C-alpha atoms as a PDB file:
ATOM      1  CA  MET A   1      99.735 108.511  60.319  1.00  0.00           C
ATOM      2  CA  LYS A   2      99.706 109.022  64.205  1.00  0.00           C
ATOM      3  CA  ILE A   3     100.889 106.097  66.337  1.00  0.00           C
ATOM      4  CA  ARG A   4      97.508 105.906  68.086  1.00  0.00           C
ATOM      5  CA  ASN A   5      95.587 105.751  64.754  1.00  0.00           C
ATOM      6  CA  SER A   6      97.924 102.918  63.473  1.00  0.00           C
ATOM      7  CA  LEU A   7      97.571 101.041  66.572  1.00  0.00           C
ATOM      8  CA  LEU A   8      93.750 101.041  66.466  1.00  0.00           C
ATOM      9  CA  THR A   9      93.765 100.434  62.693  1.00  0.00           C
ATOM     10  CA  LEU A  10      95.920  97.298  62.935  1.00  0.00           C
ATOM     11  CA  ALA A  11      93.933  96.083  65.945  1.00  0.00           C
ATOM     12  CA  LEU A  12      90.623  96.599  64.244  1.00  0.00           C
ATOM     13  CA  VAL A  13      91.621  94.996  61.006  1.00  0.00           C
ATOM     14  CA  MET A  14      92.966  91.847  62.843  1.00  0.00           C
ATOM     15  CA  GLY A  15      89.941  91.679  65.186  1.00  0.00           C
ATOM     16  CA  LEU A  16      92.154  92.659  68.220  1.00  0.00           C
ATOM     17  CA  ALA A  17      90.345  95.999  69.011  1.00  0.00           C
ATOM     18  CA  GLY A  18      91.001  95.193  72.920  1.00  0.00           C
ATOM     19  CA  ALA A  19      94.633  94.609  72.576  1.00  0.00           C
ATOM     20  CA  ALA A  20      95.739  98.292  72.151  1.00  0.00           C
ATOM     21  CA  GLN A  21      95.515  99.631  75.671  1.00  0.00           C
ATOM     22  CA  ALA A  22      94.844 103.415  76.323  1.00  0.00           C
ATOM     23  CA  ALA A  23      97.100 103.581  79.355  1.00  0.00           C
ATOM     24  CA  ASP A  24      99.441 101.715  81.751  1.00  0.00           C
ATOM     25  CA  LEU A  25     101.513 102.396  84.907  1.00  0.00           C
ATOM     26  CA  VAL A  26     105.276 102.958  84.172  1.00  0.00           C
ATOM     27  CA  ARG A  27     108.026 102.614  86.714  1.00  0.00           C
ATOM     28  CA  LYS A  28     110.147 105.549  87.455  1.00  0.00           C
ATOM     29  CA  VAL A  29     112.536 103.576  89.589  1.00  0.00           C
ATOM     30  CA  ASP A  30     113.538 100.028  89.329  1.00  0.00           C
ATOM     31  CA  SER A  31     114.265  99.633  93.177  1.00  0.00           C
ATOM     32  CA  PHE A  32     113.755 101.364  96.368  1.00  0.00           C
ATOM     33  CA  ASP A  33     114.508 101.423  99.951  1.00  0.00           C
ATOM     34  CA  LEU A  34     112.261 102.560 102.855  1.00  0.00           C
ATOM     35  CA  VAL A  35     114.380 103.958 105.774  1.00  0.00           C
ATOM     36  CA  ALA A  36     113.000 104.749 109.145  1.00  0.00           C
ATOM     37  CA  ASP A  37     114.650 106.759 111.580  1.00  0.00           C
ATOM     38  CA  GLN A  38     114.614 105.041 114.995  1.00  0.00           C
ATOM     39  CA  SER A  39     116.671 107.725 116.943  1.00  0.00           C
ATOM     40  CA  GLY A  40     115.718 109.078 120.504  1.00  0.00           C
ATOM     41  CA  SER A  41     114.147 112.240 119.163  1.00  0.00           C
ATOM     42  CA  MET A  42     111.784 110.112 116.958  1.00  0.00           C
ATOM     43  CA  MET A  43     110.490 108.451 120.185  1.00  0.00           C
ATOM     44  CA  MET A  44     108.887 111.903 121.164  1.00  0.00           C
ATOM     45  CA  LYS A  45     105.307 112.696 120.556  1.00  0.00           C
ATOM     46  CA  MET A  46     104.246 114.626 117.360  1.00  0.00           C
ATOM     47  CA  GLU A  47     103.191 118.032 118.010  1.00  0.00           C
ATOM     48  CA  GLY A  48      99.463 118.016 118.972  1.00  0.00           C
ATOM     49  CA  SER A  49      99.130 114.224 118.741  1.00  0.00           C
ATOM     50  CA  LYS A  50      99.489 111.108 121.161  1.00  0.00           C
ATOM     51  CA  MET A  51     101.344 109.383 118.554  1.00  0.00           C
ATOM     52  CA  THR A  52     105.271 109.454 118.693  1.00  0.00           C
ATOM     53  CA  LYS A  53     107.033 110.577 115.528  1.00  0.00           C
ATOM     54  CA  ALA A  54     108.475 106.962 115.114  1.00  0.00           C
ATOM     55  CA  ALA A  55     104.891 105.690 115.087  1.00  0.00           C
ATOM     56  CA  GLY A  56     103.893 108.132 112.529  1.00  0.00           C
ATOM     57  CA  ALA A  57     106.928 107.165 110.310  1.00  0.00           C
ATOM     58  CA  LYS A  58     106.003 103.435 110.722  1.00  0.00           C
ATOM     59  CA  GLN A  59     102.382 104.202 109.802  1.00  0.00           C
ATOM     60  CA  VAL A  60     103.485 106.368 106.678  1.00  0.00           C
ATOM     61  CA  LEU A  61     105.930 103.699 105.396  1.00  0.00           C
ATOM     62  CA  THR A  62     103.390 100.977 105.783  1.00  0.00           C
ATOM     63  CA  SER A  63     100.721 103.078 103.768  1.00  0.00           C
ATOM     64  CA  ILE A  64     103.225 103.590 101.054  1.00  0.00           C
ATOM     65  CA  VAL A  65     103.835  99.775 100.842  1.00  0.00           C
ATOM     66  CA  GLU A  66      99.923  99.294 100.732  1.00  0.00           C
ATOM     67  CA  ALA A  67      99.566 101.876  98.126  1.00  0.00           C
ATOM     68  CA  LEU A  68     102.269 100.703  95.659  1.00  0.00           C
ATOM     69  CA  PRO A  69     101.196  98.700  92.556  1.00  0.00           C
ATOM     70  CA  ASP A  70     103.122  95.792  91.867  1.00  0.00           C
ATOM     71  CA  LEU A  71     105.356  96.749  88.964  1.00  0.00           C
ATOM     72  CA  GLY A  72     108.256  94.337  89.517  1.00  0.00           C
ATOM     73  CA  TRP A  73     110.281  96.476  91.886  1.00  0.00           C
ATOM     74  CA  GLN A  74     113.237  95.225  93.872  1.00  0.00           C
ATOM     75  CA  SER A  75     113.087  96.603  97.436  1.00  0.00           C
ATOM     76  CA  SER A  76     114.521  96.708 100.849  1.00  0.00           C
ATOM     77  CA  THR A  77     113.675  98.357 104.281  1.00  0.00           C
ATOM     78  CA  HIS A  78     116.257  99.626 106.673  1.00  0.00           C
ATOM     79  CA  THR A  79     116.506 101.856 109.841  1.00  0.00           C
ATOM     80  CA  VAL A  80     119.158 104.721 110.666  1.00  0.00           C
ATOM     81  CA  ALA A  81     120.161 105.804 114.270  1.00  0.00           C
ATOM     82  CA  PRO A  82     120.835 102.902 114.549  1.00  0.00           C
ATOM     83  CA  ALA A  83     121.422 101.502 111.029  1.00  0.00           C
ATOM     84  CA  SER A  84     119.949  97.841 110.650  1.00  0.00           C
ATOM     85  CA  THR A  85     118.122  95.814 107.950  1.00  0.00           C
ATOM     86  CA  VAL A  86     114.596  95.395 108.418  1.00  0.00           C
ATOM     87  CA  THR A  87     113.696  93.673 105.124  1.00  0.00           C
ATOM     88  CA  ALA A  88     116.423  92.357 102.903  1.00  0.00           C
ATOM     89  CA  TYR A  89     116.824  93.492  99.200  1.00  0.00           C
ATOM     90  CA  ASN A  90     114.677  91.318  97.018  1.00  0.00           C
ATOM     91  CA  PHE A  91     111.774  91.296  94.670  1.00  0.00           C
ATOM     92  CA  PHE A  92     109.151  93.427  96.214  1.00  0.00           C
ATOM     93  CA  ASP A  93     106.684  91.324  98.317  1.00  0.00           C
ATOM     94  CA  ARG A  94     103.969  93.484 100.002  1.00  0.00           C
ATOM     95  CA  ALA A  95     103.466  90.999 102.920  1.00  0.00           C
ATOM     96  CA  ILE A  96     107.083  90.489 103.720  1.00  0.00           C
ATOM     97  CA  MET A  97     107.769  94.309 103.718  1.00  0.00           C
ATOM     98  CA  LYS A  98     104.609  95.078 106.027  1.00  0.00           C
ATOM     99  CA  LYS A  99     105.648  92.333 108.385  1.00  0.00           C
ATOM    100  CA  GLY A 100     109.065  93.822 108.671  1.00  0.00           C
ATOM    101  CA  LEU A 101     107.775  97.403 109.177  1.00  0.00           C
ATOM    102  CA  ALA A 102     105.259  96.003 111.960  1.00  0.00           C
ATOM    103  CA  GLY A 103     108.308  95.184 113.935  1.00  0.00           C
ATOM    104  CA  LEU A 104     109.719  98.782 114.100  1.00  0.00           C
ATOM    105  CA  LYS A 105     109.954 100.475 117.459  1.00  0.00           C
ATOM    106  CA  THR A 106     107.471 103.220 118.257  1.00  0.00           C
ATOM    107  CA  GLU A 107     108.580 103.910 121.818  1.00  0.00           C
ATOM    108  CA  GLY A 108     111.998 104.056 123.572  1.00  0.00           C
ATOM    109  CA  GLN A 109     114.727 106.042 125.254  1.00  0.00           C
ATOM    110  CA  ILE A 110     114.457 109.693 124.387  1.00  0.00           C
ATOM    111  CA  PHE A 111     117.117 111.563 126.398  1.00  0.00           C
ATOM    112  CA  GLY A 112     120.857 110.669 126.675  1.00  0.00           C
ATOM    113  CA  LYS A 113     120.750 108.771 123.338  1.00  0.00           C
ATOM    114  CA  LEU A 114     122.974 110.084 120.562  1.00  0.00           C
ATOM    115  CA  THR A 115     121.658 110.230 116.969  1.00  0.00           C
ATOM    116  CA  PRO A 116     124.355 109.124 114.333  1.00  0.00           C
ATOM    117  CA  MET A 117     122.003 109.625 111.364  1.00  0.00           C
ATOM    118  CA  GLY A 118     125.000 110.311 108.812  1.00  0.00           C
ATOM    119  CA  ASP A 119     126.744 107.216 110.187  1.00  0.00           C
ATOM    120  CA  GLY A 120     123.685 105.188 109.459  1.00  0.00           C
ATOM    121  CA  LEU A 121     123.383 106.489 106.047  1.00  0.00           C
ATOM    122  CA  HIS A 122     127.043 105.707 105.368  1.00  0.00           C
ATOM    123  CA  ALA A 123     126.383 102.066 106.591  1.00  0.00           C
ATOM    124  CA  LEU A 124     123.513 101.799 104.262  1.00  0.00           C
ATOM    125  CA  SER A 125     125.504 103.152 101.237  1.00  0.00           C
ATOM    126  CA  ALA A 126     127.335  99.762 100.620  1.00  0.00           C
ATOM    127  CA  GLU A 127     123.837  98.135 100.230  1.00  0.00           C
ATOM    128  CA  TYR A 128     122.833 100.673  97.695  1.00  0.00           C
ATOM    129  CA  ALA A 129     125.621  99.924  95.430  1.00  0.00           C
ATOM    130  CA  ASN A 130     123.966  96.480  94.529  1.00  0.00           C
ATOM    131  CA  MET A 131     120.453  97.822  93.915  1.00  0.00           C
ATOM    132  CA  ALA A 132     118.894  98.103  90.379  1.00  0.00           C
ATOM    133  CA  ARG A 133     118.867 101.699  88.922  1.00  0.00           C
ATOM    134  CA  PRO A 134     117.186 104.015  89.093  1.00  0.00           C
ATOM    135  CA  THR A 135     116.720 103.613  92.851  1.00  0.00           C
ATOM    136  CA  ALA A 136     114.510 105.679  95.241  1.00  0.00           C
ATOM    137  CA  VAL A 137     115.551 106.070  98.857  1.00  0.00           C
ATOM    138  CA  VAL A 138     112.626 107.306 100.981  1.00  0.00           C
ATOM    139  CA  LEU A 139     113.978 108.646 104.361  1.00  0.00           C
ATOM    140  CA  ALA A 140     111.257 109.169 106.967  1.00  0.00           C
ATOM    141  CA  SER A 141     113.087 111.239 109.745  1.00  0.00           C
ATOM    142  CA  ASP A 142     112.875 114.426 111.834  1.00  0.00           C
ATOM    143  CA  GLY A 143     116.406 115.537 110.694  1.00  0.00           C
ATOM    144  CA  ALA A 144     118.058 115.256 114.071  1.00  0.00           C
ATOM    145  CA  SER A 145     121.730 114.471 114.123  1.00  0.00           C
ATOM    146  CA  ASN A 146     124.184 115.017 116.931  1.00  0.00           C
ATOM    147  CA  THR A 147     127.241 112.768 116.388  1.00  0.00           C
ATOM    148  CA  GLY A 148     129.188 111.450 113.767  1.00  0.00           C
ATOM    149  CA  ILE A 149     129.124 112.065 109.919  1.00  0.00           C
ATOM    150  CA  ASP A 150     127.238 115.143 108.619  1.00  0.00           C
ATOM    151  CA  PRO A 151     124.117 113.459 107.068  1.00  0.00           C
ATOM    152  CA  VAL A 152     124.033 116.055 104.209  1.00  0.00           C
ATOM    153  CA  ALA A 153     127.682 115.611 103.556  1.00  0.00           C
ATOM    154  CA  GLU A 154     127.065 111.677 103.499  1.00  0.00           C
ATOM    155  CA  VAL A 155     124.293 111.936 100.892  1.00  0.00           C
ATOM    156  CA  VAL A 156     126.451 114.161  98.754  1.00  0.00           C
ATOM    157  CA  THR A 157     129.069 111.412  99.025  1.00  0.00           C
ATOM    158  CA  ILE A 158     126.424 108.753  98.007  1.00  0.00           C
ATOM    159  CA  TYR A 159     125.319 110.710  95.067  1.00  0.00           C
ATOM    160  CA  GLN A 160     129.039 111.188  93.871  1.00  0.00           C
ATOM    161  CA  ASN A 161     129.812 107.424  94.035  1.00  0.00           C
ATOM    162  CA  GLN A 162     126.385 105.900  93.073  1.00  0.00           C
ATOM    163  CA  PRO A 163     124.641 107.610  89.918  1.00  0.00           C
ATOM    164  CA  GLY A 164     120.929 106.737  89.520  1.00  0.00           C
ATOM    165  CA  LEU A 165     120.068 107.134  93.125  1.00  0.00           C
ATOM    166  CA  CYS A 166     117.758 109.689  94.387  1.00  0.00           C
ATOM    167  CA  PHE A 167     116.795 110.405  98.107  1.00  0.00           C
ATOM    168  CA  HIS A 168     113.164 111.392  98.973  1.00  0.00           C
ATOM    169  CA  VAL A 169     112.143 112.969 102.337  1.00  0.00           C
ATOM    170  CA  VAL A 170     109.104 112.465 104.685  1.00  0.00           C
ATOM    171  CA  SER A 171     109.688 115.026 107.311  1.00  0.00           C
ATOM    172  CA  PHE A 172     108.705 114.666 110.959  1.00  0.00           C
ATOM    173  CA  ALA A 173     110.857 117.580 112.085  1.00  0.00           C
ATOM    174  CA  ASP A 174     109.584 119.694 114.835  1.00  0.00           C
ATOM    175  CA  THR A 175     112.832 121.851 115.084  1.00  0.00           C
ATOM    176  CA  GLU A 176     114.142 124.385 112.587  1.00  0.00           C
ATOM    177  CA  GLU A 177     117.664 122.621 112.623  1.00  0.00           C
ATOM    178  CA  GLY A 178     116.045 119.210 111.780  1.00  0.00           C
ATOM    179  CA  GLN A 179     113.937 120.601 109.096  1.00  0.00           C
ATOM    180  CA  ALA A 180     117.001 122.540 107.695  1.00  0.00           C
ATOM    181  CA  VAL A 181     118.831 119.088 107.365  1.00  0.00           C
ATOM    182  CA  LEU A 182     116.055 117.532 105.524  1.00  0.00           C
ATOM    183  CA  ASP A 183     115.536 120.417 103.163  1.00  0.00           C
ATOM    184  CA  LYS A 184     119.277 120.210 102.347  1.00  0.00           C
ATOM    185  CA  ILE A 185     119.121 116.648 101.558  1.00  0.00           C
ATOM    186  CA  ALA A 186     116.074 117.116  99.362  1.00  0.00           C
ATOM    187  CA  GLY A 187     117.588 120.153  97.714  1.00  0.00           C
ATOM    188  CA  LEU A 188     120.695 118.316  96.550  1.00  0.00           C
ATOM    189  CA  LYS A 189     118.891 116.958  93.458  1.00  0.00           C
ATOM    190  CA  ASP A 190     115.971 118.069  91.307  1.00  0.00           C
ATOM    191  CA  CYS A 191     114.549 114.325  91.419  1.00  0.00           C
ATOM    192  CA  SER A 192     113.777 114.649  95.175  1.00  0.00           C
ATOM    193  CA  VAL A 193     110.297 114.904  96.475  1.00  0.00           C
ATOM    194  CA  SER A 194     109.960 116.352 100.069  1.00  0.00           C
ATOM    195  CA  VAL A 195     106.597 116.158 101.992  1.00  0.00           C
ATOM    196  CA  LYS A 196     105.511 116.493 105.711  1.00  0.00           C
ATOM    197  CA  GLY A 197     104.627 113.219 107.385  1.00  0.00           C
ATOM    198  CA  SER A 198     101.692 114.666 109.210  1.00  0.00           C
ATOM    199  CA  ASP A 199     100.161 115.738 105.727  1.00  0.00           C
ATOM    200  CA  LEU A 200     100.504 112.036 104.513  1.00  0.00           C
ATOM    201  CA  LEU A 201      98.829 110.806 107.788  1.00  0.00           C
ATOM    202  CA  ALA A 202      96.002 113.034 107.496  1.00  0.00           C
ATOM    203  CA  ASP A 203      95.358 112.778 103.673  1.00  0.00           C
ATOM    204  CA  GLN A 204      95.234 109.580 101.687  1.00  0.00           C
ATOM    205  CA  LYS A 205      95.217 111.602  98.455  1.00  0.00           C
ATOM    206  CA  ALA A 206      98.467 113.319  99.491  1.00  0.00           C
ATOM    207  CA  LEU A 207      99.970 109.940 100.264  1.00  0.00           C
ATOM    208  CA  ASN A 208      98.808 108.434  97.011  1.00  0.00           C
ATOM    209  CA  GLN A 209     100.197 111.457  95.223  1.00  0.00           C
ATOM    210  CA  PHE A 210     103.608 111.125  96.847  1.00  0.00           C
ATOM    211  CA  VAL A 211     103.742 107.280  95.772  1.00  0.00           C
ATOM    212  CA  ALA A 212     102.955 108.401  92.461  1.00  0.00           C
ATOM    213  CA  ASP A 213     105.590 111.178  92.316  1.00  0.00           C
ATOM    214  CA  VAL A 214     108.375 108.826  93.581  1.00  0.00           C
ATOM    215  CA  PHE A 215     107.505 105.542  92.066  1.00  0.00           C
ATOM    216  CA  TYR A 216     105.469 105.543  88.886  1.00  0.00           C
ATOM    217  CA  GLY A 217     103.727 107.429  86.285  1.00  0.00           C
ATOM    218  CA  GLU A 218     100.639 106.921  84.010  1.00  0.00           C
ATOM    219  CA  GLY A 219     101.083 107.299  80.305  1.00  0.00           C
ATOM    220  CA  VAL A 220      99.653 106.378  77.073  1.00  0.00           C
ATOM    221  CA  GLU A 221     100.563 102.704  75.952  1.00  0.00           C
ATOM    222  CA  ASP A 222     101.754 103.114  72.465  1.00  0.00           C
ATOM    223  CA  ALA A 223     102.103  99.410  72.071  1.00  0.00           C
ATOM    224  CA  LEU A 224     100.128  96.646  70.492  1.00  0.00           C
ATOM    225  CA  VAL A 225     100.234  93.187  72.229  1.00  0.00           C
ATOM    226  CA  LEU A 226      99.377  90.487  69.435  1.00  0.00           C
ATOM    227  CA  HIS A 227      97.844  87.942  71.645  1.00  0.00           C
ATOM    228  CA  GLY A 228      99.371  84.557  70.392  1.00  0.00           C
ATOM    229  CA  VAL A 229     102.767  85.814  69.700  1.00  0.00           C
ATOM    230  CA  ASN A 230     104.307  84.485  72.828  1.00  0.00           C
ATOM    231  CA  PHE A 231     107.264  82.184  73.394  1.00  0.00           C
ATOM    232  CA  ALA A 232     108.071  78.956  75.415  1.00  0.00           C
ATOM    233  CA  PHE A 233     110.482  79.393  78.227  1.00  0.00           C
ATOM    234  CA  ASN A 234     114.105  80.027  77.131  1.00  0.00           C
ATOM    235  CA  SER A 235     112.969  79.973  73.568  1.00  0.00           C
ATOM    236  CA  TYR A 236     112.625  82.411  70.587  1.00  0.00           C
ATOM    237  CA  ALA A 237     110.982  79.976  68.210  1.00  0.00           C
ATOM    238  CA  LEU A 238     107.620  80.980  66.601  1.00  0.00           C
ATOM    239  CA  ASP A 239     105.078  78.256  66.948  1.00  0.00           C
ATOM    240  CA  ALA A 240     102.088  77.756  64.386  1.00  0.00           C
ATOM    241  CA  LYS A 241      99.622  80.020  66.413  1.00  0.00           C
ATOM    242  CA  ALA A 242     102.305  82.942  66.399  1.00  0.00           C
ATOM    243  CA  GLN A 243     102.955  82.563  62.685  1.00  0.00           C
ATOM    244  CA  GLY A 244      99.190  82.699  62.037  1.00  0.00           C
ATOM    245  CA  VAL A 245      98.844  85.983  63.964  1.00  0.00           C
ATOM    246  CA  LEU A 246     102.065  87.354  62.119  1.00  0.00           C
ATOM    247  CA  ASP A 247     100.514  86.523  58.630  1.00  0.00           C
ATOM    248  CA  GLU A 248      97.595  88.722  59.365  1.00  0.00           C
ATOM    249  CA  ALA A 249      99.901  91.450  60.755  1.00  0.00           C
ATOM    250  CA  ALA A 250     102.181  91.259  57.719  1.00  0.00           C
ATOM    251  CA  ALA A 251      99.231  91.779  55.353  1.00  0.00           C
ATOM    252  CA  VAL A 252      98.213  95.020  57.297  1.00  0.00           C
ATOM    253  CA  LEU A 253     101.766  96.234  57.415  1.00  0.00           C
ATOM    254  CA  LYS A 254     102.403  95.982  53.608  1.00  0.00           C
ATOM    255  CA  GLU A 255      99.127  97.661  53.130  1.00  0.00           C
ATOM    256  CA  LYS A 256      99.636 100.486  55.341  1.00  0.00           C
ATOM    257  CA  LYS A 257     103.308 100.959  54.684  1.00  0.00           C
ATOM    258  CA  VAL A 258     104.126 102.245  58.158  1.00  0.00           C
ATOM    259  CA  HIS A 259     107.445 101.860  60.317  1.00  0.00           C
ATOM    260  CA  VAL A 260     107.104  99.462  63.226  1.00  0.00           C
ATOM    261  CA  THR A 261     109.505  98.939  66.048  1.00  0.00           C
ATOM    262  CA  LEU A 262     109.288  95.276  67.633  1.00  0.00           C
ATOM    263  CA  GLU A 263     110.008  95.258  71.291  1.00  0.00           C
ATOM    264  CA  GLY A 264     110.896  91.676  72.489  1.00  0.00           C
ATOM    265  CA  TRP A 265     110.420  90.833  76.135  1.00  0.00           C
ATOM    266  CA  THR A 266     111.152  88.025  78.453  1.00  0.00           C
ATOM    267  CA  ASP A 267     109.976  86.856  81.947  1.00  0.00           C
ATOM    268  CA  TYR A 268     111.883  87.727  85.125  1.00  0.00           C
ATOM    269  CA  ILE A 269     113.589  84.311  85.356  1.00  0.00           C
ATOM    270  CA  GLY A 270     117.407  84.493  84.782  1.00  0.00           C
ATOM    271  CA  SER A 271     119.957  87.200  84.714  1.00  0.00           C
ATOM    272  CA  ASP A 272     119.538  90.586  83.121  1.00  0.00           C
ATOM    273  CA  ALA A 273     122.281  90.096  80.646  1.00  0.00           C
ATOM    274  CA  TYR A 274     120.893  86.775  79.437  1.00  0.00           C
ATOM    275  CA  ASN A 275     117.297  87.849  79.198  1.00  0.00           C
ATOM    276  CA  LYS A 276     118.507  90.996  77.234  1.00  0.00           C
ATOM    277  CA  LYS A 277     119.921  88.750  74.746  1.00  0.00           C
ATOM    278  CA  LEU A 278     116.887  86.429  74.651  1.00  0.00           C
ATOM    279  CA  SER A 279     114.458  89.373  74.114  1.00  0.00           C
ATOM    280  CA  GLN A 280     116.679  90.596  71.164  1.00  0.00           C
ATOM    281  CA  ASN A 281     116.443  87.166  69.570  1.00  0.00           C
ATOM    282  CA  ARG A 282     112.651  87.147  70.045  1.00  0.00           C
ATOM    283  CA  ALA A 283     112.114  90.442  68.310  1.00  0.00           C
ATOM    284  CA  SER A 284     114.517  89.418  65.664  1.00  0.00           C
ATOM    285  CA  ALA A 285     112.685  86.321  65.018  1.00  0.00           C
ATOM    286  CA  VAL A 286     109.445  88.165  64.482  1.00  0.00           C
ATOM    287  CA  LYS A 287     111.070  90.573  62.253  1.00  0.00           C
ATOM    288  CA  ALA A 288     112.759  87.803  60.076  1.00  0.00           C
ATOM    289  CA  TYR A 289     109.170  86.150  59.787  1.00  0.00           C
ATOM    290  CA  LEU A 290     107.610  89.407  58.645  1.00  0.00           C
ATOM    291  CA  VAL A 291     110.286  90.065  56.176  1.00  0.00           C
ATOM    292  CA  GLU A 292     109.688  86.622  54.724  1.00  0.00           C
ATOM    293  CA  GLN A 293     106.096  87.526  54.325  1.00  0.00           C
ATOM    294  CA  GLY A 294     107.053  90.532  52.036  1.00  0.00           C
ATOM    295  CA  VAL A 295     107.091  93.442  54.860  1.00  0.00           C
ATOM    296  CA  PRO A 296     110.322  95.521  53.679  1.00  0.00           C
ATOM    297  CA  ALA A 297     112.940  94.912  56.242  1.00  0.00           C
ATOM    298  CA  SER A 298     113.686  98.866  56.166  1.00  0.00           C
ATOM    299  CA  ASN A 299     110.210  99.199  57.824  1.00  0.00           C
ATOM    300  CA  ILE A 300     111.139  97.253  60.731  1.00  0.00           C
ATOM    301  CA  THR A 301     113.236  97.657  63.890  1.00  0.00           C
ATOM    302  CA  ALA A 302     113.767  94.831  66.143  1.00  0.00           C
ATOM    303  CA  VAL A 303     114.685  95.694  69.920  1.00  0.00           C
ATOM    304  CA  GLY A 304     115.344  93.577  72.760  1.00  0.00           C
ATOM    305  CA  MET A 305     113.989  95.076  75.992  1.00  0.00           C
ATOM    306  CA  GLY A 306     114.833  92.453  78.535  1.00  0.00           C
ATOM    307  CA  LYS A 307     112.763  91.360  81.514  1.00  0.00           C
ATOM    308  CA  SER A 308     109.043  92.380  81.665  1.00  0.00           C
ATOM    309  CA  PHE A 309     106.747  93.020  84.555  1.00  0.00           C
ATOM    310  CA  LYS A 310     103.766  93.950  82.602  1.00  0.00           C
ATOM    311  CA  PHE A 311     101.983  90.581  83.672  1.00  0.00           C
ATOM    312  CA  ASP A 312     102.341  88.892  87.121  1.00  0.00           C
ATOM    313  CA  ASN A 313     105.518  86.948  87.007  1.00  0.00           C
ATOM    314  CA  ALA A 314     104.383  85.064  90.170  1.00  0.00           C
ATOM    315  CA  THR A 315     102.126  82.904  87.897  1.00  0.00           C
ATOM    316  CA  GLU A 316     102.884  80.615  84.967  1.00  0.00           C
ATOM    317  CA  GLU A 317     100.310  82.357  82.971  1.00  0.00           C
ATOM    318  CA  GLY A 318     101.812  85.783  83.683  1.00  0.00           C
ATOM    319  CA  ARG A 319     105.258  84.573  82.725  1.00  0.00           C
ATOM    320  CA  TYR A 320     103.992  83.259  79.516  1.00  0.00           C
ATOM    321  CA  LEU A 321     102.380  86.602  78.759  1.00  0.00           C
ATOM    322  CA  ASN A 322     105.488  88.509  79.504  1.00  0.00           C
ATOM    323  CA  ARG A 323     107.385  86.374  76.928  1.00  0.00           C
ATOM    324  CA  ARG A 324     106.175  88.506  74.015  1.00  0.00           C
ATOM    325  CA  VAL A 325     107.051  90.821  71.146  1.00  0.00           C
ATOM    326  CA  GLU A 326     104.945  94.200  71.135  1.00  0.00           C
ATOM    327  CA  PHE A 327     104.394  96.335  68.152  1.00  0.00           C
ATOM    328  CA  ILE A 328     105.123 100.178  68.404  1.00  0.00           C
ATOM    329  CA  PHE A 329     104.434 102.438  65.359  1.00  0.00           C
ATOM    330  CA  ASN A 330     106.962 105.287  64.712  1.00  0.00           C
END
């Protein structure tokens, strides 16, 4: 029996036809950093435009923040040349990130200012060590670098020391040398996405595609949420409502004789390690109850998934809905 048919069969038999969702957005990365080049060359006008390259980078990065769905990212914003923190690493907050980006310079000294892009990336590397993996770094730059560490060599070093991190490039290069630097950075890993900043400024569809390519994907949701099988905070006890729902599920599982994986989830409060254990206890509690109702233990796998961001953790209701167990048919 195919997964989708099994999901719909169980949903229909239990009167939960709306519970099996056709699609969901899935994070490709757990954290990201937006990096704006603030060097002197970025204060020059874009070719054929009255806008400086720095202004273009600011607009593109702001548009990325506006286009991002809130899937529970952890994020930060920095500059290079010079290196500075614009928005400190924390859970993604659209308003805070936009406020930080609004303060980026778009005009400034052009000539007689050295551009230490590699040094700036080196300074940021210590910040990346503490970011949740996988991590995306979006670099908006013209590729100019005329002093200090070679930026390509620095990215190589970051990759060697920090697995699970990937640089993506938004190019505002107007010289062959600058574009060559950015192409080399983008060419270091297959995960990298490289685009021209002018294309993202001109076409909202292109920007949306870049955001999707870097940050998330859309896929079939092969999980059934049994509404009512939720847990109190810091608990894996099944209440009477959950037991009633599981009684119906057990009857269907015994009849259909299919294998099911139970995925336990928590809200986002607490450490990753603690929530991983709690989510396993929740999945195991549901398995134990189903076995008590006559479902063969060999037909059930219980897995703790840890923190969930499927529902809005900023609200009490969302956190309650995240404290759940989902059914996935194998």
